[in-house]
Protein backbone atom coordinates (compact mmCIF):
# COMPACT_ATOMS: atom_id res chain seq x y z
CA MET A 1 -0.48 8.04 22.17
CA GLY A 2 -4.10 7.38 21.24
CA LEU A 3 -4.91 3.70 21.46
CA SER A 4 -8.19 2.71 19.92
CA LYS A 5 -9.98 -0.46 19.01
CA ILE A 6 -10.78 -0.66 15.34
CA ASP A 7 -14.53 -0.61 16.04
CA SER A 8 -14.56 2.33 18.44
CA PRO A 9 -14.12 6.07 18.03
CA ILE A 10 -10.57 7.35 18.23
CA LEU A 11 -9.76 8.77 21.65
CA ASN A 12 -8.42 12.28 22.13
CA ASN A 13 -4.66 12.40 22.16
CA ARG A 14 -2.91 14.26 24.98
CA TRP A 15 0.42 14.30 23.10
CA SER A 16 -1.03 16.43 20.28
CA ASP A 17 -2.57 18.82 22.80
CA GLU A 18 0.82 19.29 24.46
CA VAL A 19 2.56 19.83 21.09
CA ASN A 20 -0.10 22.38 20.21
CA ARG A 21 0.40 24.29 23.46
CA MET A 22 4.17 24.39 22.93
CA GLU A 23 3.74 25.71 19.39
CA ASN A 24 1.18 28.34 20.46
CA GLY A 25 3.04 29.98 23.32
CA GLY A 26 1.43 27.81 26.01
CA LYS A 27 -2.13 28.62 24.91
CA ALA A 28 -4.50 25.71 24.45
CA GLN A 29 -5.75 25.60 20.89
CA ALA A 30 -7.51 22.86 18.95
CA ALA A 31 -5.15 21.07 16.59
CA GLU A 32 -5.92 21.09 12.90
CA THR A 33 -7.49 17.88 11.65
CA ILE A 34 -5.20 16.70 8.89
CA LEU A 35 -6.95 13.49 7.94
CA SER A 36 -10.26 11.87 8.71
CA MET A 37 -11.94 8.71 7.56
CA GLU A 38 -15.70 8.75 8.07
CA ASN A 39 -18.03 5.73 8.12
CA ILE A 40 -15.60 3.54 6.18
CA THR A 41 -17.14 0.22 5.20
CA LYS A 42 -15.20 -2.44 3.30
CA ILE A 43 -17.06 -5.46 1.93
CA TYR A 44 -15.18 -8.11 -0.04
CA SER A 45 -16.68 -9.81 -3.12
CA ASN A 46 -17.56 -12.88 -1.02
CA GLY A 47 -19.71 -10.65 1.25
CA PHE A 48 -17.24 -10.60 4.15
CA ILE A 49 -17.30 -7.24 5.96
CA THR A 50 -13.99 -6.22 7.53
CA ASN A 51 -14.84 -2.63 8.41
CA LYS A 52 -18.31 -1.27 9.07
CA ASN A 53 -18.80 2.46 9.65
CA VAL A 54 -15.27 2.95 11.01
CA ASN A 55 -14.19 6.50 11.88
CA PHE A 56 -10.62 7.70 12.26
CA GLU A 57 -9.32 11.22 12.83
CA LEU A 58 -5.74 12.43 12.85
CA ARG A 59 -4.87 15.88 14.14
CA ARG A 60 -1.56 17.66 13.79
CA GLY A 61 1.02 16.21 16.20
CA GLU A 62 -0.94 13.06 17.03
CA ILE A 63 0.36 9.52 17.15
CA HIS A 64 -2.11 6.64 17.02
CA ALA A 65 -2.01 2.89 17.30
CA LEU A 66 -4.71 0.61 15.95
CA ALA A 67 -5.34 -2.39 18.16
CA GLY A 68 -7.60 -5.34 17.64
CA GLU A 69 -7.79 -9.07 17.15
CA ASN A 70 -6.63 -10.79 13.98
CA GLY A 71 -9.19 -10.14 11.27
CA ALA A 72 -10.59 -7.04 12.98
CA GLY A 73 -9.83 -4.88 9.93
CA LYS A 74 -6.78 -2.86 11.03
CA SER A 75 -4.71 -3.62 7.93
CA THR A 76 -7.72 -3.26 5.66
CA LEU A 77 -8.44 0.22 7.01
CA MET A 78 -4.84 1.26 6.33
CA LYS A 79 -4.98 -0.29 2.85
CA VAL A 80 -8.06 1.82 2.12
CA LEU A 81 -6.20 4.91 3.32
CA PHE A 82 -3.19 4.03 1.15
CA GLY A 83 -5.31 3.33 -1.94
CA GLU A 84 -4.52 -0.38 -2.13
CA GLU A 85 -8.18 -1.21 -1.55
CA GLN A 86 -11.39 0.74 -2.09
CA CYS A 87 -14.22 1.09 0.41
CA GLU A 88 -17.86 0.55 -0.50
CA GLU A 89 -19.10 3.30 1.80
CA GLY A 90 -17.66 6.28 3.61
CA ARG A 91 -15.30 9.07 2.73
CA ILE A 92 -11.78 10.32 3.35
CA LEU A 93 -11.03 13.97 4.04
CA TYR A 94 -7.52 15.35 3.70
CA LYS A 95 -6.96 18.83 5.12
CA GLY A 96 -10.73 19.36 5.17
CA LYS A 97 -11.42 18.34 1.57
CA GLU A 98 -12.93 15.07 0.42
CA VAL A 99 -10.42 13.07 -1.61
CA LYS A 100 -10.47 9.88 -3.66
CA ILE A 101 -7.41 7.77 -2.94
CA ASP A 102 -7.63 5.21 -5.73
CA SER A 103 -4.00 4.06 -5.77
CA PRO A 104 -0.86 4.12 -3.64
CA LEU A 105 0.53 6.76 -6.01
CA SER A 106 -2.34 9.15 -5.23
CA ALA A 107 -1.75 8.57 -1.49
CA ILE A 108 1.98 9.19 -1.87
CA LYS A 109 1.32 12.44 -3.78
CA MET A 110 -0.66 13.64 -0.72
CA GLY A 111 2.21 12.72 1.58
CA ILE A 112 0.59 9.55 2.89
CA GLY A 113 3.00 6.65 3.15
CA MET A 114 2.72 3.13 4.44
CA VAL A 115 5.24 0.71 5.87
CA HIS A 116 3.81 -2.72 5.26
CA GLN A 117 3.79 -5.43 7.87
CA HIS A 118 6.26 -7.49 5.83
CA PHE A 119 8.55 -4.65 4.77
CA MET A 120 11.58 -5.48 2.65
CA LEU A 121 14.26 -3.41 0.99
CA VAL A 122 15.49 -4.10 -2.52
CA GLN A 123 18.88 -5.47 -1.54
CA SER A 124 20.58 -4.56 -4.83
CA MET A 125 19.71 -0.87 -4.32
CA THR A 126 21.19 1.65 -1.90
CA VAL A 127 19.32 2.88 1.17
CA ALA A 128 18.66 6.20 -0.63
CA GLU A 129 17.30 4.43 -3.72
CA ASN A 130 14.98 2.35 -1.51
CA MET A 131 13.75 5.43 0.35
CA VAL A 132 12.64 7.25 -2.82
CA LEU A 133 11.20 4.15 -4.46
CA GLY A 134 7.88 5.14 -6.00
CA LEU A 135 8.71 8.86 -5.95
CA GLU A 136 12.09 8.78 -7.64
CA PRO A 137 13.58 12.21 -8.37
CA GLU A 138 14.57 12.40 -12.03
CA LYS A 139 17.23 14.22 -13.96
CA ALA A 140 17.23 13.89 -17.76
CA GLY A 141 14.95 10.84 -17.48
CA PHE A 142 17.18 8.97 -15.02
CA LEU A 143 17.23 8.64 -11.24
CA ASP A 144 18.79 11.75 -9.72
CA LYS A 145 20.97 9.94 -7.18
CA GLU A 146 22.20 13.16 -5.54
CA GLU A 147 18.63 14.32 -4.92
CA ALA A 148 17.75 10.86 -3.55
CA LYS A 149 20.70 11.10 -1.14
CA LYS A 150 19.69 14.64 -0.16
CA ARG A 151 16.12 13.51 0.65
CA THR A 152 17.45 10.58 2.67
CA ARG A 153 19.73 12.88 4.69
CA GLU A 154 16.82 15.28 5.31
CA VAL A 155 14.63 12.47 6.70
CA SER A 156 17.56 11.17 8.71
CA GLU A 157 18.19 14.60 10.28
CA LYS A 158 14.50 15.34 10.85
CA TYR A 159 14.02 12.17 12.89
CA GLY A 160 17.46 11.96 14.49
CA LEU A 161 18.47 8.80 12.65
CA GLU A 162 21.94 7.95 11.47
CA ILE A 163 21.38 6.60 7.97
CA ASP A 164 24.07 6.21 5.32
CA PRO A 165 22.35 6.97 1.98
CA ASP A 166 25.04 5.00 0.11
CA ALA A 167 24.72 1.84 2.21
CA PRO A 168 23.43 -1.21 0.32
CA GLY A 169 19.85 -2.37 0.98
CA ASN A 170 21.16 -5.44 2.78
CA SER A 171 23.29 -3.43 5.22
CA ARG A 172 22.95 -2.98 8.96
CA ASP A 173 21.11 0.31 8.23
CA PHE A 174 18.01 -1.77 7.38
CA PRO A 175 16.18 -1.22 10.73
CA ARG A 176 16.83 2.54 10.66
CA THR A 177 15.73 2.74 7.02
CA LYS A 178 12.46 0.98 7.86
CA THR A 179 11.92 3.47 10.68
CA ALA A 180 12.50 6.40 8.30
């Protein structure tokens, strides 16, 4: 796992290199850069700078952790990536093309999701309904519950989780749902 301070360049990730070798018949090959944030600067209206010229790169197969003191700008950087906040300077590239992520919906449409620090499920909804919240599959203008369950099962299988799509949001499946 790459572990980087918020104000330093992201370190190369050995895990992604190993995944790449396994997928390419043992041959070393540079992993595709899926996402990069270049020279991101966020300045609040009161003049407070939380990020100044921050760079972040994510290659296929990588896992990263952002580490830093309180107020270092970790959450702000992720909010910029998710479209909850806008940066004053810098750019975001997704699969090699510059993109404008001006809302969480535009991030979600690109496949970028975010689990917030204080994550909560809507307790009156099922696990499946919570998992598709924001990208609800529709059928005749209503939530397609079968499609929501199907998507939940697919995520569950992909990551080896045992999630009951019909379980209520306040069930014991909460930790596994947050993971998914």
